[in-house]
Amino acid sequence: MVTPTFLVAFWVSSTVILIGGRLAVRYLLGRIRRRGKNLHFILILGTNTRAIELARRIEAKPELGYRVVGFVDDEWSGKQDFLRTGYTLCCNFDGLADYLRHNVIDEAAIYLPLRSRYEHASQLAALFEQHGIIMRFDPEILNLKIARSRAGILGGDPQITAQSGGFEDWAAFLKRPIDLVMSFFLLVVLSPVFLVVAALIKATSPGPIFFGQKRVGLNKRIFLMYKFRTMVPDAEEIQEGLLHLNEMTGPVFKIKNDPRVTPIGRILRKTSIDELPQLLNVLIGDMSLVGPRAMSLRDYKLFGEDWQRRRFSVQPGITCLWQVHGRNSIPFEKWMELDMKYIDTWSLWLDMKIIALTIPAVLKGFGAA
């Protein structure tokens, strides 16, 4: 069957399919991004001419999927020229740390005069590094400790991209398809468990079957995380009166014998069955099967160190290193260190290993509350 005609036909058809597929994907992504979906929010440091030109080039190509949030700069002689452009000045450099804590920023383009302001720019880059935000430089390389640097192009300009969070390489592209397939499969297989648990919750306590809570996700995006309801309906309102009973260090709130938990809820928590609805979050794309634990808004606002916020540079997961190393028995600082270790050493093999270790950890119930 392998004739010269067959080989030529195979080569031509493969080439057409490959190129056509890539063009189709690029076209579809362009259409989606022009409608305001699948966007990356970029913050530009500096208000000089080159910084403004970068913003205009980005806006001229909406199919790239970038949206300029605004600019950051202090007072200088050319600031009035910048203000006449109509672009947003988000804050000055002193207010940048607070701005990053409360806004969605995926990337930062540093367009400062680095020769004269190298030390200042280096401090700002270290702040982005702590948050796990992708950085683009024009075109100086800063002395970063964690971030991985690589060449890139944005708006036609050659740049160096530094990334201390998130995942890259071919394996990173497989993480999402694996999440989709496995979450769909598990939802189908575990559907009888969902029905039984739903009936038990409804029969033993008043209130809804599912509990949805706002959590902090990828780069501080807020999403609604689903769980089986294990507490009384007004549990969040009662929490303020129980803060003195908190048994966890750091900003996290946990009580081993929480009075808000229902009898059936204790069983669901001990067996981690209450976590199963998070498979819906994985299917939607708000979460991954493996990743740092999703934090509540209350806990996030109490974070004391910016380096801890780098954990939000990747999607939160149902299970993680914290889950398999003792959960609530681990001090908060150690928990954050495990999240950093996961980000810095990530691989598909590590994800598979964590999933495998989660099963015995759940069966033992160690650290569950």
Protein backbone atom coordinates (compact mmCIF):
# COMPACT_ATOMS: atom_id res chain seq x y z
CA MET A 1 0.00 0.00 0.00
CA VAL A 2 2.94 2.36 0.64
CA THR A 3 3.41 3.60 -2.90
CA PRO A 4 4.97 6.91 -4.01
CA THR A 5 1.47 8.19 -4.84
CA PHE A 6 0.25 7.26 -1.36
CA LEU A 7 3.21 9.02 0.32
CA VAL A 8 2.68 12.20 -1.68
CA ALA A 9 -1.07 12.18 -0.96
CA PHE A 10 -0.42 11.54 2.74
CA TRP A 11 2.12 14.37 2.94
CA VAL A 12 -0.15 16.85 1.12
CA SER A 13 -3.26 15.98 3.15
CA SER A 14 -1.36 16.07 6.47
CA THR A 15 0.14 19.44 5.64
CA VAL A 16 -3.24 20.90 4.60
CA ILE A 17 -4.95 19.55 7.74
CA LEU A 18 -2.21 20.83 10.05
CA ILE A 19 -2.07 24.32 8.55
CA GLY A 20 -5.86 24.50 8.18
CA GLY A 21 -6.36 23.43 11.77
CA ARG A 22 -4.01 26.06 13.11
CA LEU A 23 -5.58 28.79 10.98
CA ALA A 24 -9.05 27.72 12.16
CA VAL A 25 -7.99 27.82 15.81
CA ARG A 26 -6.37 31.24 15.33
CA TYR A 27 -9.51 32.53 13.60
CA LEU A 28 -11.84 31.21 16.31
CA LEU A 29 -9.68 32.61 19.11
CA GLY A 30 -9.61 35.98 17.34
CA ARG A 31 -13.42 36.04 17.11
CA ILE A 32 -13.76 35.06 20.77
CA ARG A 33 -11.25 37.67 21.96
CA ARG A 34 -12.84 40.48 19.94
CA ARG A 35 -16.03 39.76 21.90
CA GLY A 36 -14.26 40.25 25.22
CA LYS A 37 -13.63 36.60 26.13
CA ASN A 38 -10.40 34.70 26.80
CA LEU A 39 -8.58 37.94 27.68
CA HIS A 40 -5.28 38.64 29.43
CA PHE A 41 -5.26 41.84 31.50
CA ILE A 42 -1.97 43.74 31.20
CA LEU A 43 -0.70 46.62 33.35
CA ILE A 44 1.97 48.95 31.92
CA LEU A 45 4.59 50.54 34.18
CA GLY A 46 5.75 53.87 32.84
CA THR A 47 3.98 56.60 30.88
CA ASN A 48 6.70 57.45 28.38
CA THR A 49 6.25 57.43 24.62
CA ARG A 50 7.29 53.80 24.16
CA ALA A 51 4.85 52.65 26.83
CA ILE A 52 2.00 54.49 25.13
CA GLU A 53 2.99 53.08 21.72
CA LEU A 54 2.90 49.58 23.18
CA ALA A 55 -0.65 50.12 24.44
CA ARG A 56 -1.76 51.37 21.02
CA ARG A 57 -0.22 48.40 19.23
CA ILE A 58 -1.95 46.02 21.63
CA GLU A 59 -5.31 47.72 21.11
CA ALA A 60 -4.81 47.59 17.33
CA LYS A 61 -4.71 43.78 17.51
CA PRO A 62 -7.65 42.64 19.67
CA GLU A 63 -7.22 39.11 18.32
CA LEU A 64 -4.13 38.80 20.54
CA GLY A 65 -6.47 38.67 23.53
CA TYR A 66 -4.82 41.45 25.57
CA ARG A 67 -6.64 44.26 27.33
CA VAL A 68 -4.67 47.20 28.75
CA VAL A 69 -5.93 47.79 32.30
CA GLY A 70 -3.99 51.02 32.64
CA PHE A 71 -0.65 52.58 33.54
CA VAL A 72 1.40 53.06 36.70
CA ASP A 73 3.78 56.00 37.20
CA ASP A 74 4.83 58.80 39.54
CA GLU A 75 4.91 62.52 38.77
CA TRP A 76 7.37 63.51 36.04
CA SER A 77 7.78 66.23 33.41
CA GLY A 78 6.01 64.31 30.63
CA LYS A 79 2.98 63.22 32.65
CA GLN A 80 0.69 65.92 31.20
CA ASP A 81 1.33 64.60 27.69
CA PHE A 82 0.29 61.15 28.90
CA LEU A 83 -2.93 62.40 30.50
CA ARG A 84 -3.99 63.91 27.16
CA THR A 85 -3.96 60.41 25.60
CA GLY A 86 -7.05 59.39 27.58
CA TYR A 87 -5.48 56.26 29.05
CA THR A 88 -6.15 55.30 32.67
CA LEU A 89 -3.55 55.99 35.35
CA CYS A 90 -4.28 53.22 37.86
CA CYS A 91 -1.97 54.32 40.67
CA ASN A 92 1.51 55.53 41.51
CA PHE A 93 4.36 53.22 42.46
CA ASP A 94 3.67 53.53 46.19
CA GLY A 95 0.13 52.26 45.66
CA LEU A 96 1.06 49.43 43.30
CA ALA A 97 1.26 46.67 45.95
CA ASP A 98 -2.24 47.45 47.21
CA TYR A 99 -3.59 47.71 43.65
CA LEU A 100 -2.26 44.23 42.79
CA ARG A 101 -3.92 42.74 45.87
CA HIS A 102 -7.38 43.84 44.77
CA ASN A 103 -7.38 43.63 40.97
CA VAL A 104 -7.09 41.00 38.24
CA ILE A 105 -3.70 41.39 36.55
CA ASP A 106 -2.29 38.64 34.32
CA GLU A 107 0.80 40.42 32.97
CA ALA A 108 2.85 43.54 33.57
CA ALA A 109 4.93 45.39 30.97
CA ILE A 110 7.79 47.33 32.58
CA TYR A 111 8.62 50.28 30.34
CA LEU A 112 10.64 52.39 32.75
CA PRO A 113 13.99 54.04 31.88
CA LEU A 114 15.92 51.16 33.43
CA ARG A 115 19.37 52.74 33.17
CA SER A 116 18.38 55.61 35.43
CA ARG A 117 15.81 53.73 37.51
CA TYR A 118 17.20 50.22 37.58
CA GLU A 119 17.06 49.79 41.36
CA HIS A 120 13.46 51.04 41.54
CA ALA A 121 12.40 48.89 38.58
CA SER A 122 14.07 45.87 40.18
CA GLN A 123 12.01 46.36 43.36
CA LEU A 124 8.80 46.59 41.33
CA ALA A 125 9.71 43.47 39.37
CA ALA A 126 10.30 41.62 42.65
CA LEU A 127 6.76 42.60 43.70
CA PHE A 128 5.29 41.10 40.51
CA GLU A 129 7.47 38.04 41.06
CA GLN A 130 5.95 37.58 44.52
CA HIS A 131 2.45 37.70 43.03
CA GLY A 132 3.36 35.22 40.29
CA ILE A 133 2.40 37.73 37.57
CA ILE A 134 4.02 37.40 34.12
CA MET A 135 6.43 40.26 33.37
CA ARG A 136 7.56 41.78 30.08
CA PHE A 137 10.62 44.03 29.92
CA ASP A 138 11.81 46.55 27.40
CA PRO A 139 14.33 44.94 26.96
CA GLU A 140 16.57 44.87 30.07
CA ILE A 141 16.95 41.73 32.13
CA LEU A 142 16.48 42.19 35.88
CA ASN A 143 18.08 40.19 38.64
CA LEU A 144 15.11 37.94 39.47
CA LYS A 145 15.43 35.03 41.88
CA ILE A 146 12.57 32.73 40.87
CA ALA A 147 11.05 33.84 37.59
CA ARG A 148 11.94 31.95 34.41
CA SER A 149 12.96 34.18 31.50
CA ARG A 150 12.37 33.57 27.80
CA ALA A 151 12.18 35.60 24.61
CA GLY A 152 8.79 36.75 23.40
CA ILE A 153 7.02 39.20 21.08
CA LEU A 154 4.13 41.51 21.96
CA GLY A 155 2.79 44.18 19.64
CA GLY A 156 5.68 43.54 17.26
CA ASP A 157 8.35 44.28 19.89
CA PRO A 158 10.94 41.66 20.91
CA GLN A 159 10.87 41.27 24.68
CA ILE A 160 12.02 39.12 27.58
CA THR A 161 9.19 37.44 29.46
CA ALA A 162 9.76 36.47 33.10
CA GLN A 163 7.39 34.07 34.79
CA SER A 164 7.54 32.91 38.42
CA GLY A 165 4.11 31.31 38.40
CA GLY A 166 1.95 29.28 36.05
CA PHE A 167 3.08 26.35 33.94
CA GLU A 168 4.69 26.19 30.52
CA ASP A 169 6.04 23.63 27.98
CA TRP A 170 4.11 20.95 26.10
CA ALA A 171 2.95 19.20 29.27
CA ALA A 172 1.06 22.32 30.39
CA PHE A 173 -1.15 22.06 27.28
CA LEU A 174 -2.17 18.55 28.32
CA LYS A 175 -3.25 19.52 31.84
CA ARG A 176 -6.58 21.02 30.75
CA PRO A 177 -7.63 18.13 28.44
CA ILE A 178 -6.78 15.66 31.21
CA ASP A 179 -8.90 17.70 33.65
CA LEU A 180 -11.83 17.70 31.21
CA VAL A 181 -11.74 13.97 30.51
CA MET A 182 -11.21 12.87 34.10
CA SER A 183 -13.77 15.24 35.65
CA PHE A 184 -16.44 14.22 33.12
CA PHE A 185 -15.66 10.53 33.66
CA LEU A 186 -15.80 10.88 37.46
CA LEU A 187 -19.07 12.83 37.35
CA VAL A 188 -20.68 10.05 35.32
CA VAL A 189 -19.29 7.22 37.46
CA LEU A 190 -20.10 8.96 40.75
CA SER A 191 -23.58 10.13 39.76
CA PRO A 192 -25.24 7.46 42.00
CA VAL A 193 -23.21 8.80 44.94
CA PHE A 194 -24.43 12.33 44.13
CA LEU A 195 -28.05 11.14 44.23
CA VAL A 196 -27.65 9.28 47.53
CA VAL A 197 -25.82 12.16 49.24
CA ALA A 198 -28.35 14.70 47.94
CA ALA A 199 -31.23 12.62 49.38
CA LEU A 200 -29.46 12.29 52.76
CA ILE A 201 -28.76 16.03 53.02
CA LYS A 202 -32.34 16.91 52.12
CA ALA A 203 -33.78 14.37 54.55
CA THR A 204 -31.63 15.29 57.57
CA SER A 205 -31.46 19.10 57.57
CA PRO A 206 -33.34 22.07 56.08
CA GLY A 207 -31.66 24.07 53.33
CA PRO A 208 -30.17 23.53 49.87
CA ILE A 209 -28.23 20.43 48.81
CA PHE A 210 -25.26 22.32 47.42
CA PHE A 211 -23.28 25.15 48.98
CA GLY A 212 -21.69 27.74 46.72
CA GLN A 213 -19.01 30.06 48.09
CA LYS A 214 -16.98 32.78 46.40
CA ARG A 215 -13.36 31.69 46.15
CA VAL A 216 -10.19 33.31 44.78
CA GLY A 217 -8.96 31.59 41.63
CA LEU A 218 -6.40 32.13 38.87
CA ASN A 219 -4.69 35.53 39.27
CA LYS A 220 -7.32 36.49 41.87
CA ARG A 221 -10.35 35.90 39.64
CA ILE A 222 -13.43 35.33 41.78
CA PHE A 223 -15.52 32.23 41.10
CA LEU A 224 -18.26 30.25 42.83
CA MET A 225 -16.96 26.95 44.22
CA TYR A 226 -19.48 24.16 44.80
CA LYS A 227 -19.60 21.65 47.64
CA PHE A 228 -22.24 19.47 49.25
CA ARG A 229 -23.75 21.47 52.11
CA THR A 230 -22.36 20.20 55.41
CA MET A 231 -23.38 23.07 57.67
CA VAL A 232 -26.52 24.86 58.77
CA PRO A 233 -27.84 27.34 56.15
CA ASP A 234 -26.64 30.48 58.02
CA ALA A 235 -23.13 29.12 58.74
CA GLU A 236 -21.24 32.10 57.26
CA GLU A 237 -23.18 34.60 59.38
CA ILE A 238 -22.45 32.59 62.55
CA GLN A 239 -18.70 32.36 61.78
CA GLU A 240 -17.84 35.81 63.15
CA GLY A 241 -18.99 34.71 66.60
CA LEU A 242 -16.74 31.64 66.49
CA LEU A 243 -13.45 33.26 65.51
CA HIS A 244 -12.08 32.81 69.04
CA LEU A 245 -12.34 29.02 68.55
CA ASN A 246 -10.18 28.95 65.41
CA GLU A 247 -7.59 26.14 65.59
CA MET A 248 -5.56 27.09 62.48
CA THR A 249 -2.57 29.43 62.26
CA GLY A 250 -2.56 32.25 59.75
CA PRO A 251 -5.68 33.62 58.03
CA VAL A 252 -7.44 30.25 57.64
CA PHE A 253 -10.48 29.43 59.81
CA LYS A 254 -11.04 25.83 60.93
CA ILE A 255 -12.62 24.21 64.01
CA LYS A 256 -12.30 20.47 64.51
CA ASN A 257 -15.70 20.16 66.22
CA ASP A 258 -17.44 23.01 64.42
CA PRO A 259 -20.94 23.47 65.94
CA ARG A 260 -22.30 24.59 62.56
CA VAL A 261 -21.69 21.19 60.94
CA THR A 262 -24.71 18.90 60.58
CA PRO A 263 -24.55 15.19 61.59
CA ILE A 264 -24.49 14.00 57.96
CA GLY A 265 -22.08 16.85 57.22
CA ARG A 266 -19.50 15.40 59.63
CA ILE A 267 -19.50 12.14 57.71
CA LEU A 268 -19.23 13.93 54.36
CA ARG A 269 -16.31 16.03 55.61
CA LYS A 270 -14.48 13.09 57.19
CA THR A 271 -14.68 11.13 53.92
CA SER A 272 -14.15 14.27 51.74
CA ILE A 273 -17.33 13.39 49.82
CA ASP A 274 -18.43 17.00 50.31
CA GLU A 275 -15.67 17.99 47.84
CA LEU A 276 -17.08 15.98 44.91
CA PRO A 277 -19.20 18.83 43.41
CA GLN A 278 -15.92 20.64 42.71
CA LEU A 279 -15.65 18.32 39.72
CA LEU A 280 -18.23 20.68 38.17
CA ASN A 281 -15.79 23.58 38.73
CA VAL A 282 -13.08 21.55 36.98
CA LEU A 283 -15.40 20.85 34.06
CA ILE A 284 -16.32 24.55 33.80
CA GLY A 285 -12.65 25.57 33.90
CA ASP A 286 -12.51 27.48 37.20
CA MET A 287 -10.43 24.76 38.84
CA SER A 288 -8.08 21.89 38.07
CA LEU A 289 -7.99 18.41 39.55
CA VAL A 290 -4.62 19.26 41.13
CA GLY A 291 -3.54 22.69 42.30
CA PRO A 292 -3.30 24.91 45.38
CA ARG A 293 -6.39 24.89 47.57
CA ALA A 294 -8.98 27.54 46.59
CA MET A 295 -9.12 30.26 49.26
CA SER A 296 -12.21 32.08 50.47
CA LEU A 297 -12.39 35.86 50.07
CA ARG A 298 -12.16 36.27 53.85
CA ASP A 299 -8.99 34.19 54.12
CA TYR A 300 -7.38 35.87 51.10
CA LYS A 301 -7.87 39.36 52.55
CA LEU A 302 -5.98 38.28 55.68
CA PHE A 303 -2.84 37.15 53.80
CA GLY A 304 0.14 38.92 55.34
CA GLU A 305 2.94 38.29 52.80
CA ASP A 306 2.97 39.00 49.07
CA TRP A 307 5.14 35.93 48.33
CA GLN A 308 2.21 33.79 49.49
CA ARG A 309 0.03 35.29 46.75
CA ARG A 310 2.11 33.58 44.05
CA ARG A 311 -0.07 30.53 44.69
CA PHE A 312 -2.82 32.34 42.77
CA SER A 313 -0.73 32.32 39.58
CA VAL A 314 -2.07 28.82 38.81
CA GLN A 315 -5.57 27.39 38.87
CA PRO A 316 -6.75 26.12 42.25
CA GLY A 317 -7.32 22.38 42.54
CA ILE A 318 -9.44 19.81 44.33
CA THR A 319 -6.33 18.15 45.74
CA CYS A 320 -2.75 19.29 46.30
CA LEU A 321 0.39 18.63 48.31
CA TRP A 322 -1.35 20.12 51.37
CA GLN A 323 -4.14 17.57 50.97
CA VAL A 324 -1.78 14.58 51.03
CA HIS A 325 0.53 15.88 53.77
CA GLY A 326 -1.96 16.24 56.60
CA ARG A 327 -4.37 19.02 55.58
CA ASN A 328 -5.54 20.94 58.67
CA SER A 329 -2.73 19.53 60.82
CA ILE A 330 -0.20 21.57 58.81
CA PRO A 331 0.70 25.14 59.93
CA PHE A 332 -0.25 27.87 57.49
CA GLU A 333 3.36 28.84 56.63
CA LYS A 334 4.20 25.21 55.79
CA TRP A 335 1.04 25.01 53.68
CA MET A 336 2.15 28.02 51.64
CA GLU A 337 5.62 26.52 51.21
CA LEU A 338 4.06 23.32 49.84
CA ASP A 339 2.08 25.41 47.32
CA MET A 340 5.28 27.14 46.17
CA LYS A 341 7.00 23.76 45.87
CA TYR A 342 4.14 22.50 43.70
CA ILE A 343 4.37 25.52 41.37
CA ASP A 344 8.17 25.38 41.08
CA THR A 345 8.43 21.60 40.51
CA TRP A 346 5.22 20.97 38.58
CA SER A 347 4.95 18.18 36.04
CA LEU A 348 2.21 15.85 34.82
CA TRP A 349 3.92 13.09 36.77
CA LEU A 350 3.63 15.16 39.98
CA ASP A 351 -0.10 15.65 39.32
CA MET A 352 -0.59 11.91 38.84
CA LYS A 353 1.41 11.20 41.99
CA ILE A 354 -0.70 13.62 44.06
CA ILE A 355 -3.93 12.09 42.73
CA ALA A 356 -2.67 8.62 43.64
CA LEU A 357 -1.65 9.76 47.16
CA THR A 358 -4.98 11.51 47.69
CA ILE A 359 -6.91 8.22 47.77
CA PRO A 360 -5.18 6.74 50.87
CA ALA A 361 -5.11 10.20 52.51
CA VAL A 362 -8.90 10.48 52.12
CA LEU A 363 -9.48 6.92 53.34
CA LYS A 364 -7.41 7.57 56.48
CA GLY A 365 -9.18 10.88 57.04
CA PHE A 366 -6.02 12.37 58.56
CA GLY A 367 -6.29 16.12 59.07
CA ALA A 368 -9.90 16.30 57.81
CA ALA A 369 -12.32 18.59 59.63
